[in-house]
Protein backbone atom coordinates (compact mmCIF):
# COMPACT_ATOMS: atom_id res chain seq x y z
CA MET A 1 54.48 -148.27 -153.00
CA ASN A 2 54.47 -151.68 -154.43
CA ASN A 3 51.26 -153.49 -153.55
CA HIS A 4 52.56 -157.12 -154.09
CA LYS A 5 55.45 -156.91 -151.66
CA THR A 6 55.47 -159.04 -148.54
CA LYS A 7 57.31 -158.88 -145.31
CA LEU A 8 60.63 -160.62 -145.12
CA SER A 9 60.80 -163.88 -143.18
CA PRO A 10 62.22 -163.65 -139.69
CA GLU A 11 65.41 -165.21 -140.89
CA GLN A 12 65.72 -162.76 -143.81
CA GLN A 13 65.08 -159.85 -141.40
CA GLU A 14 67.76 -160.98 -139.03
CA GLU A 15 70.28 -161.52 -141.83
CA LEU A 16 69.63 -157.98 -143.16
CA LEU A 17 69.75 -156.47 -139.69
CA ARG A 18 73.12 -158.09 -139.15
CA VAL A 19 74.47 -156.68 -142.41
CA LEU A 20 73.11 -153.19 -141.48
CA GLU A 21 74.51 -153.34 -138.00
CA VAL A 22 78.02 -154.29 -139.29
CA ARG A 23 77.86 -151.41 -141.83
CA PHE A 24 76.62 -149.06 -139.05
CA GLU A 25 79.45 -149.90 -136.72
CA LYS A 26 82.09 -149.78 -139.48
CA ASN A 27 80.97 -146.25 -140.57
CA ARG A 28 80.25 -144.45 -137.27
CA GLN A 29 81.28 -141.09 -138.79
CA ARG A 30 78.04 -141.12 -140.80
CA HIS A 31 75.79 -141.14 -137.73
CA LYS A 32 77.54 -139.73 -134.68
CA GLY A 33 75.52 -139.89 -131.53
CA ILE A 34 73.02 -142.42 -132.90
CA GLU A 35 72.75 -145.86 -131.19
CA TRP A 36 72.11 -149.02 -133.16
CA ASN A 37 69.70 -150.50 -130.63
CA LYS A 38 67.34 -147.57 -131.10
CA VAL A 39 67.57 -147.82 -134.90
CA ARG A 40 66.87 -151.55 -134.67
CA ALA A 41 63.83 -151.07 -132.46
CA LYS A 42 62.42 -148.66 -134.97
CA LEU A 43 63.02 -151.09 -137.79
CA MET A 44 61.43 -153.98 -135.93
CA ALA A 45 58.28 -151.85 -135.45
CA ASN A 46 58.16 -151.14 -139.24
CA PRO A 47 58.58 -154.38 -141.26
CA ASP A 48 57.60 -152.60 -144.42
CA LYS A 49 60.65 -150.38 -143.99
CA ILE A 50 62.82 -153.46 -143.46
CA TRP A 51 61.57 -154.75 -146.82
CA SER A 52 62.54 -151.42 -148.48
CA LEU A 53 65.96 -151.60 -146.92
CA ASP A 54 66.33 -155.08 -148.22
CA GLU A 55 65.48 -153.82 -151.74
CA MET A 56 68.15 -151.10 -151.35
CA GLU A 57 70.65 -153.80 -150.27
CA ARG A 58 69.63 -156.25 -153.06
CA THR A 59 70.30 -153.57 -155.67
CA GLU A 60 73.66 -152.85 -154.09
CA GLY A 61 72.92 -149.53 -152.55
CA GLU A 62 74.60 -150.41 -149.27
CA PRO A 63 72.04 -148.43 -147.14
CA ASP A 64 73.22 -146.92 -143.90
CA VAL A 65 71.95 -144.38 -141.32
CA THR A 66 72.90 -140.91 -142.36
CA GLY A 67 70.78 -138.84 -139.98
CA TYR A 68 68.04 -138.45 -137.49
CA ASP A 69 65.09 -136.03 -137.77
CA LYS A 70 64.21 -134.90 -134.19
CA LYS A 71 60.96 -133.27 -135.35
CA THR A 72 59.55 -136.51 -136.76
CA ASP A 73 61.54 -138.96 -134.61
CA GLU A 74 62.79 -140.75 -137.75
CA TYR A 75 66.10 -142.25 -138.68
CA ILE A 76 67.21 -141.50 -142.25
CA PHE A 77 68.88 -144.26 -144.30
CA CYS A 78 70.59 -143.42 -147.53
CA ASP A 79 72.38 -145.46 -150.21
CA CYS A 80 76.06 -145.24 -149.27
CA SER A 81 77.61 -147.43 -151.98
CA ALA A 82 80.78 -145.84 -153.37
CA GLU A 83 79.24 -145.60 -156.89
CA SER A 84 75.63 -145.33 -158.04
CA PRO A 85 73.94 -148.64 -157.14
CA LYS A 86 74.68 -151.30 -159.71
CA GLY A 87 71.21 -152.79 -159.57
CA ARG A 88 69.60 -149.43 -160.42
CA ARG A 89 71.54 -148.19 -163.44
CA SER A 90 70.56 -147.79 -167.12
CA LEU A 91 67.22 -146.26 -166.18
CA CYS A 92 65.59 -143.18 -167.66
CA TYR A 93 64.31 -140.56 -165.21
CA ASP A 94 60.46 -141.15 -164.90
CA HIS A 95 57.53 -143.08 -166.45
CA GLU A 96 56.72 -140.25 -168.91
CA ALA A 97 60.19 -140.43 -170.27
CA LEU A 98 60.08 -144.22 -170.48
CA GLU A 99 56.81 -143.98 -172.48
CA LYS A 100 58.31 -141.39 -174.86
CA ARG A 101 61.14 -143.74 -175.91
CA LYS A 102 60.18 -145.58 -179.05
CA GLU A 103 63.39 -147.50 -179.57
CA ASN A 104 65.94 -148.97 -177.19
CA LYS A 105 63.78 -148.50 -174.10
CA PRO A 106 65.44 -149.04 -170.76
CA ALA A 107 64.01 -151.66 -168.46
CA ASP A 108 62.38 -149.00 -166.25
CA SER A 109 62.72 -145.51 -164.87
CA ALA A 110 64.37 -144.23 -161.67
CA LEU A 111 61.19 -142.86 -160.22
CA ASN A 112 59.17 -146.06 -160.99
CA ARG A 113 61.86 -148.14 -159.36
CA ALA A 114 62.15 -145.96 -156.27
CA ALA A 115 58.38 -146.09 -155.77
CA GLU A 116 58.37 -149.87 -156.18
CA MET A 117 61.05 -150.04 -153.52
CA GLY A 118 59.23 -147.69 -151.16
CA ILE A 119 62.03 -145.16 -151.15
CA GLU A 120 62.46 -141.54 -152.27
CA ILE A 121 65.03 -140.49 -154.84
CA LEU A 122 67.53 -137.97 -153.33
CA ASN A 123 67.05 -134.27 -154.02
CA GLU A 124 70.04 -131.96 -154.60
CA GLN A 125 70.31 -130.91 -150.98
CA GLN A 126 70.27 -134.52 -149.73
CA TYR A 127 72.84 -135.49 -152.35
CA ARG A 128 75.15 -132.68 -151.17
CA GLU A 129 74.67 -133.69 -147.54
CA LEU A 130 75.60 -137.25 -148.46
CA GLN A 131 78.83 -136.07 -150.05
CA LYS A 132 79.85 -134.62 -146.65
CA LEU A 133 79.94 -138.16 -145.28
CA GLY A 134 82.25 -139.58 -147.88
CA LYS A 135 83.14 -139.55 -151.55
CA PHE A 136 80.26 -141.05 -153.71
CA ASP A 137 79.83 -141.18 -157.47
CA SER A 138 83.46 -140.45 -158.42
CA LYS A 139 83.06 -142.69 -161.56
CA THR A 140 79.22 -142.84 -161.88
CA SER A 141 76.38 -140.35 -161.65
CA SER A 142 72.97 -140.47 -159.99
CA TRP A 143 69.59 -138.98 -161.03
CA ILE A 144 68.17 -136.58 -158.48
CA GLU A 145 64.66 -135.22 -157.89
CA THR A 146 64.06 -132.72 -160.66
CA PRO A 147 62.02 -129.50 -160.21
CA SER A 148 58.71 -129.63 -162.08
CA ASP A 149 59.55 -126.57 -164.26
CA ILE A 150 62.64 -128.29 -165.59
CA ARG A 151 60.81 -131.65 -166.03
CA LYS A 152 57.95 -129.95 -167.92
CA LEU A 153 60.50 -128.81 -170.55
CA GLY A 154 61.76 -132.40 -170.98
CA GLY A 155 64.85 -132.27 -168.77
CA ALA A 156 66.00 -134.07 -165.64
CA LEU A 157 68.94 -133.52 -163.30
CA PHE A 158 71.70 -135.76 -162.10
CA CYS A 159 74.81 -135.30 -159.91
CA ASP A 160 78.23 -136.73 -159.52
CA PHE A 161 81.41 -135.96 -157.61
CA ARG A 162 84.58 -134.94 -159.47
CA TYR A 163 87.52 -132.67 -158.62
CA ASP A 164 86.36 -132.69 -154.95
CA THR A 165 83.17 -130.91 -156.10
CA VAL A 166 79.52 -131.95 -156.47
CA PHE A 167 78.38 -131.23 -160.00
CA VAL A 168 74.69 -130.87 -160.95
CA TYR A 169 73.91 -131.46 -164.61
CA HIS A 170 70.95 -131.94 -166.92
CA ASN A 171 69.99 -134.36 -169.59
CA GLY A 172 66.84 -135.27 -171.43
CA ALA A 173 64.69 -137.26 -169.01
CA GLU A 174 64.43 -140.15 -171.50
CA SER A 175 68.19 -140.67 -171.66
CA TYR A 176 69.88 -143.46 -169.82
CA TYR A 177 73.45 -144.64 -169.26
CA ALA A 178 75.19 -147.72 -167.86
CA ALA A 179 77.06 -145.49 -165.39
CA ARG A 180 73.99 -143.61 -164.12
CA GLY A 181 71.56 -144.84 -161.54
CA PHE A 182 69.89 -143.27 -158.58
CA ARG A 183 70.34 -143.05 -154.86
CA GLY A 184 67.48 -143.35 -152.42
CA ALA A 185 66.53 -142.34 -148.91
CA LEU A 186 64.24 -143.99 -146.42
CA ARG A 187 62.81 -142.52 -143.25
CA VAL A 188 62.11 -145.01 -140.36
């Protein structure tokens, strides 16, 4: 996680919580049986998580509650923007890929940015679960967590949603595109 981050001011926290509550109420189908007041209480007890959610919001991820883990007593937030978050596009996959690029380097990598934000990049299963809650990435694509055996060979995985189907593809990890970003998840 990013060491130079600070907590949001009380005013910034309240503004973000208002935005999240409106989104939560507008999209009840994403979190049936979950009550906002319980989510809010968890957030208030974890200001570092509020900061991470603010980073998700600032980069246009439109985070929303997409689940609850009974075993760990954690709410799961995920980027629910219709397309891959605008503020997180044109990134290669990881730091190793970023270092390998000699020309036309992107600004950063998806895994670096996720770590700085204090969130996890979605894996394939999480991406598929998200698609059950709506239609996401019908014009864009999103990097997903890549198995180490694929990454060791220089590849990385990404997904999108076309023809009512989730597609998983591969690319060189050092590639980057204006229409490819990444989606993140945060447990609170």
